[in-house]
Amino acid sequence: APGFLDRVDLFAGTSTGSILAAFLAGGASPGEAASYYEEYVP
């Protein structure tokens, strides 16, 4: 569904979800956010 994130008005998240919500609200793609998890979670 290309363009879906552009349509999102409010990114809400809790705990790890808040981190993902902030990534996305800041303009990062899901793939970029996932790469940060791969890098930092260990």
PDB file of all heavy atoms in Angstrom:
ATOM      1  N   ALA A   1       0.857  -1.199   0.000  1.00  0.00           N
ATOM      2  CA  ALA A   1       0.000   0.000   0.000  1.00  0.00           C
ATOM      3  C   ALA A   1       0.884   1.238   0.000  1.00  0.00           C
ATOM      4  O   ALA A   1       0.988   1.952   1.002  1.00  0.00           O
ATOM      5  CB  ALA A   1      -0.927  -0.004   1.212  1.00  0.00           C
ATOM      6  N   PRO A   2       1.558   1.516  -1.134  1.00  0.00           N
ATOM      7  CA  PRO A   2       2.452   2.688  -1.192  1.00  0.00           C
ATOM      8  C   PRO A   2       1.693   3.975  -0.859  1.00  0.00           C
ATOM      9  O   PRO A   2       0.565   4.173  -1.285  1.00  0.00           O
ATOM     10  CB  PRO A   2       2.919   2.693  -2.662  1.00  0.00           C
ATOM     11  CG  PRO A   2       2.691   1.301  -3.155  1.00  0.00           C
ATOM     12  CD  PRO A   2       1.489   0.783  -2.411  1.00  0.00           C
ATOM     13  N   GLY A   3       2.342   4.816  -0.099  1.00  0.00           N
ATOM     14  CA  GLY A   3       1.723   6.083   0.285  1.00  0.00           C
ATOM     15  C   GLY A   3       0.960   6.030   1.594  1.00  0.00           C
ATOM     16  O   GLY A   3       0.499   7.077   2.077  1.00  0.00           O
ATOM     17  N   PHE A   4       0.863   4.846   2.205  1.00  0.00           N
ATOM     18  CA  PHE A   4       0.084   4.750   3.444  1.00  0.00           C
ATOM     19  C   PHE A   4       0.679   5.612   4.548  1.00  0.00           C
ATOM     20  O   PHE A   4      -0.040   6.368   5.223  1.00  0.00           O
ATOM     21  CB  PHE A   4      -0.013   3.291   3.908  1.00  0.00           C
ATOM     22  CG  PHE A   4      -0.573   3.154   5.297  1.00  0.00           C
ATOM     23  CD1 PHE A   4      -1.909   3.436   5.551  1.00  0.00           C
ATOM     24  CD2 PHE A   4       0.234   2.768   6.360  1.00  0.00           C
ATOM     25  CE1 PHE A   4      -2.429   3.338   6.834  1.00  0.00           C
ATOM     26  CE2 PHE A   4      -0.277   2.658   7.645  1.00  0.00           C
ATOM     27  CZ  PHE A   4      -1.613   2.942   7.879  1.00  0.00           C
ATOM     28  N   LEU A   5       1.993   5.517   4.762  1.00  0.00           N
ATOM     29  CA  LEU A   5       2.600   6.287   5.854  1.00  0.00           C
ATOM     30  C   LEU A   5       2.472   7.789   5.626  1.00  0.00           C
ATOM     31  O   LEU A   5       2.398   8.559   6.591  1.00  0.00           O
ATOM     32  CB  LEU A   5       4.067   5.898   6.028  1.00  0.00           C
ATOM     33  CG  LEU A   5       4.333   4.524   6.649  1.00  0.00           C
ATOM     34  CD1 LEU A   5       5.821   4.287   6.784  1.00  0.00           C
ATOM     35  CD2 LEU A   5       3.641   4.383   7.991  1.00  0.00           C
ATOM     36  N   ASP A   6       2.435   8.214   4.381  1.00  0.00           N
ATOM     37  CA  ASP A   6       2.229   9.638   4.098  1.00  0.00           C
ATOM     38  C   ASP A   6       0.850  10.099   4.560  1.00  0.00           C
ATOM     39  O   ASP A   6       0.643  11.286   4.837  1.00  0.00           O
ATOM     40  CB  ASP A   6       2.374   9.906   2.594  1.00  0.00           C
ATOM     41  CG  ASP A   6       3.791   9.671   2.098  1.00  0.00           C
ATOM     42  OD1 ASP A   6       4.729   9.798   2.917  1.00  0.00           O
ATOM     43  OD2 ASP A   6       3.961   9.349   0.911  1.00  0.00           O
ATOM     44  N   ARG A   7      -0.095   9.173   4.630  1.00  0.00           N
ATOM     45  CA  ARG A   7      -1.455   9.504   5.035  1.00  0.00           C
ATOM     46  C   ARG A   7      -1.652   9.495   6.546  1.00  0.00           C
ATOM     47  O   ARG A   7      -2.681   9.952   7.045  1.00  0.00           O
ATOM     48  CB  ARG A   7      -2.434   8.508   4.396  1.00  0.00           C
ATOM     49  CG  ARG A   7      -2.531   8.599   2.881  1.00  0.00           C
ATOM     50  CD  ARG A   7      -3.047   9.959   2.443  1.00  0.00           C
ATOM     51  NE  ARG A   7      -4.194  10.353   3.242  1.00  0.00           N
ATOM     52  CZ  ARG A   7      -5.435   9.908   3.043  1.00  0.00           C
ATOM     53  NH1 ARG A   7      -5.687   9.090   2.056  1.00  0.00           N
ATOM     54  NH2 ARG A   7      -6.417  10.310   3.816  1.00  0.00           N
ATOM     55  N   VAL A   8      -0.683   8.944   7.280  1.00  0.00           N
ATOM     56  CA  VAL A   8      -0.821   8.861   8.739  1.00  0.00           C
ATOM     57  C   VAL A   8      -0.656  10.250   9.346  1.00  0.00           C
ATOM     58  O   VAL A   8       0.314  10.959   9.081  1.00  0.00           O
ATOM     59  CB  VAL A   8       0.208   7.886   9.339  1.00  0.00           C
ATOM     60  CG1 VAL A   8       0.142   7.904  10.867  1.00  0.00           C
ATOM     61  CG2 VAL A   8      -0.037   6.464   8.828  1.00  0.00           C
ATOM     62  N   ASP A   9      -1.623  10.646  10.183  1.00  0.00           N
ATOM     63  CA  ASP A   9      -1.598  11.951  10.842  1.00  0.00           C
ATOM     64  C   ASP A   9      -0.999  11.890  12.244  1.00  0.00           C
ATOM     65  O   ASP A   9      -0.415  12.860  12.720  1.00  0.00           O
ATOM     66  CB  ASP A   9      -3.016  12.513  10.941  1.00  0.00           C
ATOM     67  CG  ASP A   9      -3.641  12.738   9.580  1.00  0.00           C
ATOM     68  OD1 ASP A   9      -3.213  13.666   8.888  1.00  0.00           O
ATOM     69  OD2 ASP A   9      -4.558  11.980   9.210  1.00  0.00           O
ATOM     70  N   LEU A  10      -1.172  10.749  12.915  1.00  0.00           N
ATOM     71  CA  LEU A  10      -0.701  10.609  14.293  1.00  0.00           C
ATOM     72  C   LEU A  10      -0.025   9.255  14.453  1.00  0.00           C
ATOM     73  O   LEU A  10      -0.627   8.212  14.182  1.00  0.00           O
ATOM     74  CB  LEU A  10      -1.864  10.726  15.277  1.00  0.00           C
ATOM     75  CG  LEU A  10      -1.588  10.363  16.743  1.00  0.00           C
ATOM     76  CD1 LEU A  10      -0.484  11.235  17.326  1.00  0.00           C
ATOM     77  CD2 LEU A  10      -2.869  10.487  17.579  1.00  0.00           C
ATOM     78  N   PHE A  11       1.230   9.290  14.867  1.00  0.00           N
ATOM     79  CA  PHE A  11       1.977   8.074  15.164  1.00  0.00           C
ATOM     80  C   PHE A  11       1.982   7.894  16.686  1.00  0.00           C
ATOM     81  O   PHE A  11       2.581   8.699  17.406  1.00  0.00           O
ATOM     82  CB  PHE A  11       3.409   8.173  14.643  1.00  0.00           C
ATOM     83  CG  PHE A  11       3.510   8.197  13.140  1.00  0.00           C
ATOM     84  CD1 PHE A  11       3.417   9.395  12.448  1.00  0.00           C
ATOM     85  CD2 PHE A  11       3.695   7.025  12.420  1.00  0.00           C
ATOM     86  CE1 PHE A  11       3.507   9.435  11.064  1.00  0.00           C
ATOM     87  CE2 PHE A  11       3.785   7.049  11.033  1.00  0.00           C
ATOM     88  CZ  PHE A  11       3.688   8.254  10.354  1.00  0.00           C
ATOM     89  N   ALA A  12       1.306   6.861  17.157  1.00  0.00           N
ATOM     90  CA  ALA A  12       1.217   6.592  18.594  1.00  0.00           C
ATOM     91  C   ALA A  12       1.953   5.296  18.904  1.00  0.00           C
ATOM     92  O   ALA A  12       1.814   4.312  18.169  1.00  0.00           O
ATOM     93  CB  ALA A  12      -0.248   6.482  19.021  1.00  0.00           C
ATOM     94  N   GLY A  13       2.727   5.293  19.977  1.00  0.00           N
ATOM     95  CA  GLY A  13       3.457   4.081  20.331  1.00  0.00           C
ATOM     96  C   GLY A  13       3.764   4.027  21.803  1.00  0.00           C
ATOM     97  O   GLY A  13       3.892   5.060  22.471  1.00  0.00           O
ATOM     98  N   THR A  14       3.879   2.808  22.311  1.00  0.00           N
ATOM     99  CA  THR A  14       4.202   2.574  23.717  1.00  0.00           C
ATOM    100  C   THR A  14       5.493   1.783  23.807  1.00  0.00           C
ATOM    101  O   THR A  14       5.681   0.809  23.067  1.00  0.00           O
ATOM    102  CB  THR A  14       3.085   1.785  24.409  1.00  0.00           C
ATOM    103  OG1 THR A  14       1.870   2.536  24.363  1.00  0.00           O
ATOM    104  CG2 THR A  14       3.437   1.497  25.859  1.00  0.00           C
ATOM    105  N   SER A  15       6.384   2.197  24.714  1.00  0.00           N
ATOM    106  CA  SER A  15       7.617   1.468  24.965  1.00  0.00           C
ATOM    107  C   SER A  15       8.404   1.320  23.661  1.00  0.00           C
ATOM    108  O   SER A  15       8.709   2.308  23.010  1.00  0.00           O
ATOM    109  CB  SER A  15       7.295   0.117  25.613  1.00  0.00           C
ATOM    110  OG  SER A  15       8.445  -0.462  26.170  1.00  0.00           O
ATOM    111  N   THR A  16       8.715   0.099  23.235  1.00  0.00           N
ATOM    112  CA  THR A  16       9.420  -0.056  21.953  1.00  0.00           C
ATOM    113  C   THR A  16       8.600   0.521  20.810  1.00  0.00           C
ATOM    114  O   THR A  16       9.150   1.024  19.826  1.00  0.00           O
ATOM    115  CB  THR A  16       9.748  -1.544  21.695  1.00  0.00           C
ATOM    116  OG1 THR A  16      10.658  -1.657  20.608  1.00  0.00           O
ATOM    117  CG2 THR A  16       8.502  -2.353  21.368  1.00  0.00           C
ATOM    118  N   GLY A  17       7.273   0.485  20.951  1.00  0.00           N
ATOM    119  CA  GLY A  17       6.408   1.086  19.935  1.00  0.00           C
ATOM    120  C   GLY A  17       6.568   2.589  19.849  1.00  0.00           C
ATOM    121  O   GLY A  17       6.406   3.183  18.777  1.00  0.00           O
ATOM    122  N   SER A  18       6.904   3.231  20.979  1.00  0.00           N
ATOM    123  CA  SER A  18       7.128   4.688  20.943  1.00  0.00           C
ATOM    124  C   SER A  18       8.386   5.007  20.143  1.00  0.00           C
ATOM    125  O   SER A  18       8.453   6.026  19.450  1.00  0.00           O
ATOM    126  CB  SER A  18       7.237   5.250  22.370  1.00  0.00           C
ATOM    127  OG  SER A  18       8.457   4.878  22.997  1.00  0.00           O
ATOM    128  N   ILE A  19       9.386   4.136  20.240  1.00  0.00           N
ATOM    129  CA  ILE A  19      10.616   4.333  19.466  1.00  0.00           C
ATOM    130  C   ILE A  19      10.316   4.217  17.971  1.00  0.00           C
ATOM    131  O   ILE A  19      10.734   5.050  17.166  1.00  0.00           O
ATOM    132  CB  ILE A  19      11.686   3.307  19.902  1.00  0.00           C
ATOM    133  CG1 ILE A  19      12.058   3.537  21.372  1.00  0.00           C
ATOM    134  CG2 ILE A  19      12.920   3.405  19.009  1.00  0.00           C
ATOM    135  CD1 ILE A  19      12.983   2.480  21.957  1.00  0.00           C
ATOM    136  N   LEU A  20       9.547   3.189  17.611  1.00  0.00           N
ATOM    137  CA  LEU A  20       9.178   3.015  16.206  1.00  0.00           C
ATOM    138  C   LEU A  20       8.333   4.192  15.721  1.00  0.00           C
ATOM    139  O   LEU A  20       8.525   4.694  14.612  1.00  0.00           O
ATOM    140  CB  LEU A  20       8.412   1.703  16.037  1.00  0.00           C
ATOM    141  CG  LEU A  20       9.203   0.426  16.311  1.00  0.00           C
ATOM    142  CD1 LEU A  20       8.284  -0.791  16.270  1.00  0.00           C
ATOM    143  CD2 LEU A  20      10.334   0.269  15.300  1.00  0.00           C
ATOM    144  N   ALA A  21       7.381   4.632  16.557  1.00  0.00           N
ATOM    145  CA  ALA A  21       6.514   5.749  16.177  1.00  0.00           C
ATOM    146  C   ALA A  21       7.338   7.017  15.939  1.00  0.00           C
ATOM    147  O   ALA A  21       7.068   7.777  15.004  1.00  0.00           O
ATOM    148  CB  ALA A  21       5.462   5.991  17.257  1.00  0.00           C
ATOM    149  N   ALA A  22       8.344   7.250  16.775  1.00  0.00           N
ATOM    150  CA  ALA A  22       9.185   8.440  16.606  1.00  0.00           C
ATOM    151  C   ALA A  22      10.025   8.343  15.336  1.00  0.00           C
ATOM    152  O   ALA A  22      10.204   9.343  14.621  1.00  0.00           O
ATOM    153  CB  ALA A  22      10.079   8.624  17.830  1.00  0.00           C
ATOM    154  N   PHE A  23      10.565   7.158  15.056  1.00  0.00           N
ATOM    155  CA  PHE A  23      11.291   6.964  13.796  1.00  0.00           C
ATOM    156  C   PHE A  23      10.410   7.357  12.617  1.00  0.00           C
ATOM    157  O   PHE A  23      10.806   8.124  11.740  1.00  0.00           O
ATOM    158  CB  PHE A  23      11.696   5.495  13.638  1.00  0.00           C
ATOM    159  CG  PHE A  23      12.981   5.108  14.310  1.00  0.00           C
ATOM    160  CD1 PHE A  23      13.053   3.962  15.082  1.00  0.00           C
ATOM    161  CD2 PHE A  23      14.128   5.874  14.163  1.00  0.00           C
ATOM    162  CE1 PHE A  23      14.232   3.584  15.706  1.00  0.00           C
ATOM    163  CE2 PHE A  23      15.324   5.505  14.778  1.00  0.00           C
ATOM    164  CZ  PHE A  23      15.371   4.359  15.555  1.00  0.00           C
ATOM    165  N   LEU A  24       9.202   6.798  12.587  1.00  0.00           N
ATOM    166  CA  LEU A  24       8.302   7.002  11.453  1.00  0.00           C
ATOM    167  C   LEU A  24       7.808   8.443  11.377  1.00  0.00           C
ATOM    168  O   LEU A  24       7.713   9.018  10.297  1.00  0.00           O
ATOM    169  CB  LEU A  24       7.123   6.026  11.550  1.00  0.00           C
ATOM    170  CG  LEU A  24       7.496   4.539  11.514  1.00  0.00           C
ATOM    171  CD1 LEU A  24       6.275   3.675  11.806  1.00  0.00           C
ATOM    172  CD2 LEU A  24       8.118   4.154  10.181  1.00  0.00           C
ATOM    173  N   ALA A  25       7.483   9.035  12.533  1.00  0.00           N
ATOM    174  CA  ALA A  25       7.041  10.431  12.554  1.00  0.00           C
ATOM    175  C   ALA A  25       8.147  11.369  12.096  1.00  0.00           C
ATOM    176  O   ALA A  25       7.885  12.459  11.585  1.00  0.00           O
ATOM    177  CB  ALA A  25       6.570  10.826  13.956  1.00  0.00           C
ATOM    178  N   GLY A  26       9.394  10.954  12.268  1.00  0.00           N
ATOM    179  CA  GLY A  26      10.534  11.747  11.831  1.00  0.00           C
ATOM    180  C   GLY A  26      10.891  11.559  10.374  1.00  0.00           C
ATOM    181  O   GLY A  26      11.822  12.192   9.878  1.00  0.00           O
ATOM    182  N   GLY A  27      10.163  10.657   9.683  1.00  0.00           N
ATOM    183  CA  GLY A  27      10.385  10.484   8.255  1.00  0.00           C
ATOM    184  C   GLY A  27      11.154   9.246   7.870  1.00  0.00           C
ATOM    185  O   GLY A  27      11.389   9.009   6.675  1.00  0.00           O
ATOM    186  N   ALA A  28      11.569   8.415   8.838  1.00  0.00           N
ATOM    187  CA  ALA A  28      12.277   7.179   8.504  1.00  0.00           C
ATOM    188  C   ALA A  28      11.305   6.172   7.898  1.00  0.00           C
ATOM    189  O   ALA A  28      10.115   6.163   8.218  1.00  0.00           O
ATOM    190  CB  ALA A  28      12.937   6.591   9.746  1.00  0.00           C
ATOM    191  N   SER A  29      11.799   5.320   7.036  1.00  0.00           N
ATOM    192  CA  SER A  29      10.989   4.241   6.473  1.00  0.00           C
ATOM    193  C   SER A  29      10.988   3.064   7.435  1.00  0.00           C
ATOM    194  O   SER A  29      11.871   2.951   8.298  1.00  0.00           O
ATOM    195  CB  SER A  29      11.562   3.798   5.126  1.00  0.00           C
ATOM    196  OG  SER A  29      12.808   3.129   5.321  1.00  0.00           O
ATOM    197  N   PRO A  30      10.017   2.137   7.318  1.00  0.00           N
ATOM    198  CA  PRO A  30      10.054   0.933   8.163  1.00  0.00           C
ATOM    199  C   PRO A  30      11.351   0.151   8.005  1.00  0.00           C
ATOM    200  O   PRO A  30      11.883  -0.373   8.992  1.00  0.00           O
ATOM    201  CB  PRO A  30       8.850   0.134   7.662  1.00  0.00           C
ATOM    202  CG  PRO A  30       7.902   1.159   7.142  1.00  0.00           C
ATOM    203  CD  PRO A  30       8.777   2.207   6.521  1.00  0.00           C
ATOM    204  N   GLY A  31      11.881   0.082   6.791  1.00  0.00           N
ATOM    205  CA  GLY A  31      13.138  -0.628   6.577  1.00  0.00           C
ATOM    206  C   GLY A  31      14.294   0.000   7.325  1.00  0.00           C
ATOM    207  O   GLY A  31      15.138  -0.699   7.901  1.00  0.00           O
ATOM    208  N   GLU A  32      14.346   1.335   7.342  1.00  0.00           N
ATOM    209  CA  GLU A  32      15.408   2.034   8.080  1.00  0.00           C
ATOM    210  C   GLU A  32      15.269   1.789   9.578  1.00  0.00           C
ATOM    211  O   GLU A  32      16.262   1.558  10.282  1.00  0.00           O
ATOM    212  CB  GLU A  32      15.345   3.525   7.784  1.00  0.00           C
ATOM    213  CG  GLU A  32      15.806   3.885   6.376  1.00  0.00           C
ATOM    214  CD  GLU A  32      15.570   5.337   6.030  1.00  0.00           C
ATOM    215  OE1 GLU A  32      14.585   5.922   6.544  1.00  0.00           O
ATOM    216  OE2 GLU A  32      16.356   5.892   5.251  1.00  0.00           O
ATOM    217  N   ALA A  33      14.032   1.836  10.084  1.00  0.00           N
ATOM    218  CA  ALA A  33      13.815   1.577  11.504  1.00  0.00           C
ATOM    219  C   ALA A  33      14.225   0.156  11.859  1.00  0.00           C
ATOM    220  O   ALA A  33      14.851  -0.086  12.904  1.00  0.00           O
ATOM    221  CB  ALA A  33      12.345   1.809  11.853  1.00  0.00           C
ATOM    222  N   ALA A  34      13.897  -0.807  10.990  1.00  0.00           N
ATOM    223  CA  ALA A  34      14.268  -2.201  11.235  1.00  0.00           C
ATOM    224  C   ALA A  34      15.783  -2.366  11.266  1.00  0.00           C
ATOM    225  O   ALA A  34      16.329  -3.123  12.083  1.00  0.00           O
ATOM    226  CB  ALA A  34      13.655  -3.100  10.165  1.00  0.00           C
ATOM    227  N   SER A  35      16.476  -1.649  10.398  1.00  0.00           N
ATOM    228  CA  SER A  35      17.941  -1.729  10.379  1.00  0.00           C
ATOM    229  C   SER A  35      18.540  -1.227  11.682  1.00  0.00           C
ATOM    230  O   SER A  35      19.533  -1.783  12.179  1.00  0.00           O
ATOM    231  CB  SER A  35      18.490  -0.909   9.203  1.00  0.00           C
ATOM    232  OG  SER A  35      18.077  -1.459   7.972  1.00  0.00           O
ATOM    233  N   TYR A  36      17.955  -0.186  12.266  1.00  0.00           N
ATOM    234  CA  TYR A  36      18.429   0.303  13.552  1.00  0.00           C
ATOM    235  C   TYR A  36      18.214  -0.730  14.645  1.00  0.00           C
ATOM    236  O   TYR A  36      19.056  -0.899  15.535  1.00  0.00           O
ATOM    237  CB  TYR A  36      17.750   1.628  13.901  1.00  0.00           C
ATOM    238  CG  TYR A  36      18.495   2.813  13.370  1.00  0.00           C
ATOM    239  CD1 TYR A  36      18.308   3.245  12.059  1.00  0.00           C
ATOM    240  CD2 TYR A  36      19.429   3.480  14.157  1.00  0.00           C
ATOM    241  CE1 TYR A  36      19.014   4.316  11.559  1.00  0.00           C
ATOM    242  CE2 TYR A  36      20.132   4.556  13.657  1.00  0.00           C
ATOM    243  CZ  TYR A  36      19.929   4.973  12.357  1.00  0.00           C
ATOM    244  OH  TYR A  36      20.646   6.030  11.869  1.00  0.00           O
ATOM    245  N   TYR A  37      17.095  -1.433  14.589  1.00  0.00           N
ATOM    246  CA  TYR A  37      16.862  -2.494  15.568  1.00  0.00           C
ATOM    247  C   TYR A  37      17.905  -3.592  15.420  1.00  0.00           C
ATOM    248  O   TYR A  37      18.431  -4.110  16.416  1.00  0.00           O
ATOM    249  CB  TYR A  37      15.452  -3.059  15.418  1.00  0.00           C
ATOM    250  CG  TYR A  37      14.440  -2.369  16.307  1.00  0.00           C
ATOM    251  CD1 TYR A  37      14.195  -1.005  16.181  1.00  0.00           C
ATOM    252  CD2 TYR A  37      13.732  -3.065  17.283  1.00  0.00           C
ATOM    253  CE1 TYR A  37      13.289  -0.356  17.002  1.00  0.00           C
ATOM    254  CE2 TYR A  37      12.821  -2.428  18.109  1.00  0.00           C
ATOM    255  CZ  TYR A  37      12.603  -1.066  17.967  1.00  0.00           C
ATOM    256  OH  TYR A  37      11.709  -0.434  18.780  1.00  0.00           O
ATOM    257  N   GLU A  38      18.200  -3.980  14.203  1.00  0.00           N
ATOM    258  CA  GLU A  38      19.214  -5.007  13.979  1.00  0.00           C
ATOM    259  C   GLU A  38      20.568  -4.572  14.528  1.00  0.00           C
ATOM    260  O   GLU A  38      21.332  -5.393  15.059  1.00  0.00           O
ATOM    261  CB  GLU A  38      19.325  -5.304  12.483  1.00  0.00           C
ATOM    262  CG  GLU A  38      18.097  -5.988  11.896  1.00  0.00           C
ATOM    263  CD  GLU A  38      18.111  -6.037  10.383  1.00  0.00           C
ATOM    264  OE1 GLU A  38      18.987  -5.376   9.774  1.00  0.00           O
ATOM    265  OE2 GLU A  38      17.246  -6.713   9.812  1.00  0.00           O
ATOM    266  N   GLU A  39      20.855  -3.287  14.428  1.00  0.00           N
ATOM    267  CA  GLU A  39      22.140  -2.765  14.883  1.00  0.00           C
ATOM    268  C   GLU A  39      22.204  -2.621  16.398  1.00  0.00           C
ATOM    269  O   GLU A  39      23.203  -2.977  17.032  1.00  0.00           O
ATOM    270  CB  GLU A  39      22.391  -1.403  14.223  1.00  0.00           C
ATOM    271  CG  GLU A  39      23.706  -0.740  14.628  1.00  0.00           C
ATOM    272  CD  GLU A  39      24.918  -1.486  14.097  1.00  0.00           C
ATOM    273  OE1 GLU A  39      24.821  -2.064  12.999  1.00  0.00           O
ATOM    274  OE2 GLU A  39      25.954  -1.493  14.787  1.00  0.00           O
ATOM    275  N   TYR A  40      21.129  -2.118  16.992  1.00  0.00           N
ATOM    276  CA  TYR A  40      21.188  -1.700  18.394  1.00  0.00           C
ATOM    277  C   TYR A  40      20.680  -2.729  19.398  1.00  0.00           C
ATOM    278  O   TYR A  40      21.136  -2.746  20.538  1.00  0.00           O
ATOM    279  CB  TYR A  40      20.382  -0.410  18.577  1.00  0.00           C
ATOM    280  CG  TYR A  40      21.077   0.822  18.084  1.00  0.00           C
ATOM    281  CD1 TYR A  40      20.485   1.635  17.123  1.00  0.00           C
ATOM    282  CD2 TYR A  40      22.330   1.183  18.564  1.00  0.00           C
ATOM    283  CE1 TYR A  40      21.113   2.780  16.661  1.00  0.00           C
ATOM    284  CE2 TYR A  40      22.966   2.321  18.110  1.00  0.00           C
ATOM    285  CZ  TYR A  40      22.361   3.119  17.160  1.00  0.00           C
ATOM    286  OH  TYR A  40      22.990   4.237  16.711  1.00  0.00           O
ATOM    287  N   VAL A  41      19.704  -3.549  19.039  1.00  0.00           N
ATOM    288  CA  VAL A  41      19.111  -4.469  20.015  1.00  0.00           C
ATOM    289  C   VAL A  41      20.160  -5.370  20.670  1.00  0.00           C
ATOM    290  O   VAL A  41      20.129  -5.569  21.897  1.00  0.00           O
ATOM    291  CB  VAL A  41      17.972  -5.285  19.369  1.00  0.00           C
ATOM    292  CG1 VAL A  41      17.632  -6.520  20.206  1.00  0.00           C
ATOM    293  CG2 VAL A  41      16.735  -4.408  19.207  1.00  0.00           C
ATOM    294  N   PRO A  42      21.125  -5.932  19.917  1.00  0.00           N
ATOM    295  CA  PRO A  42      22.144  -6.752  20.585  1.00  0.00           C
ATOM    296  C   PRO A  42      22.947  -5.978  21.622  1.00  0.00           C
ATOM    297  O   PRO A  42      23.388  -6.550  22.632  1.00  0.00           O
ATOM    298  CB  PRO A  42      23.033  -7.213  19.413  1.00  0.00           C
ATOM    299  CG  PRO A  42      22.127  -7.196  18.229  1.00  0.00           C
ATOM    300  CD  PRO A  42      21.259  -5.998  18.442  1.00  0.00           C
TER     301      PRO A  42
END
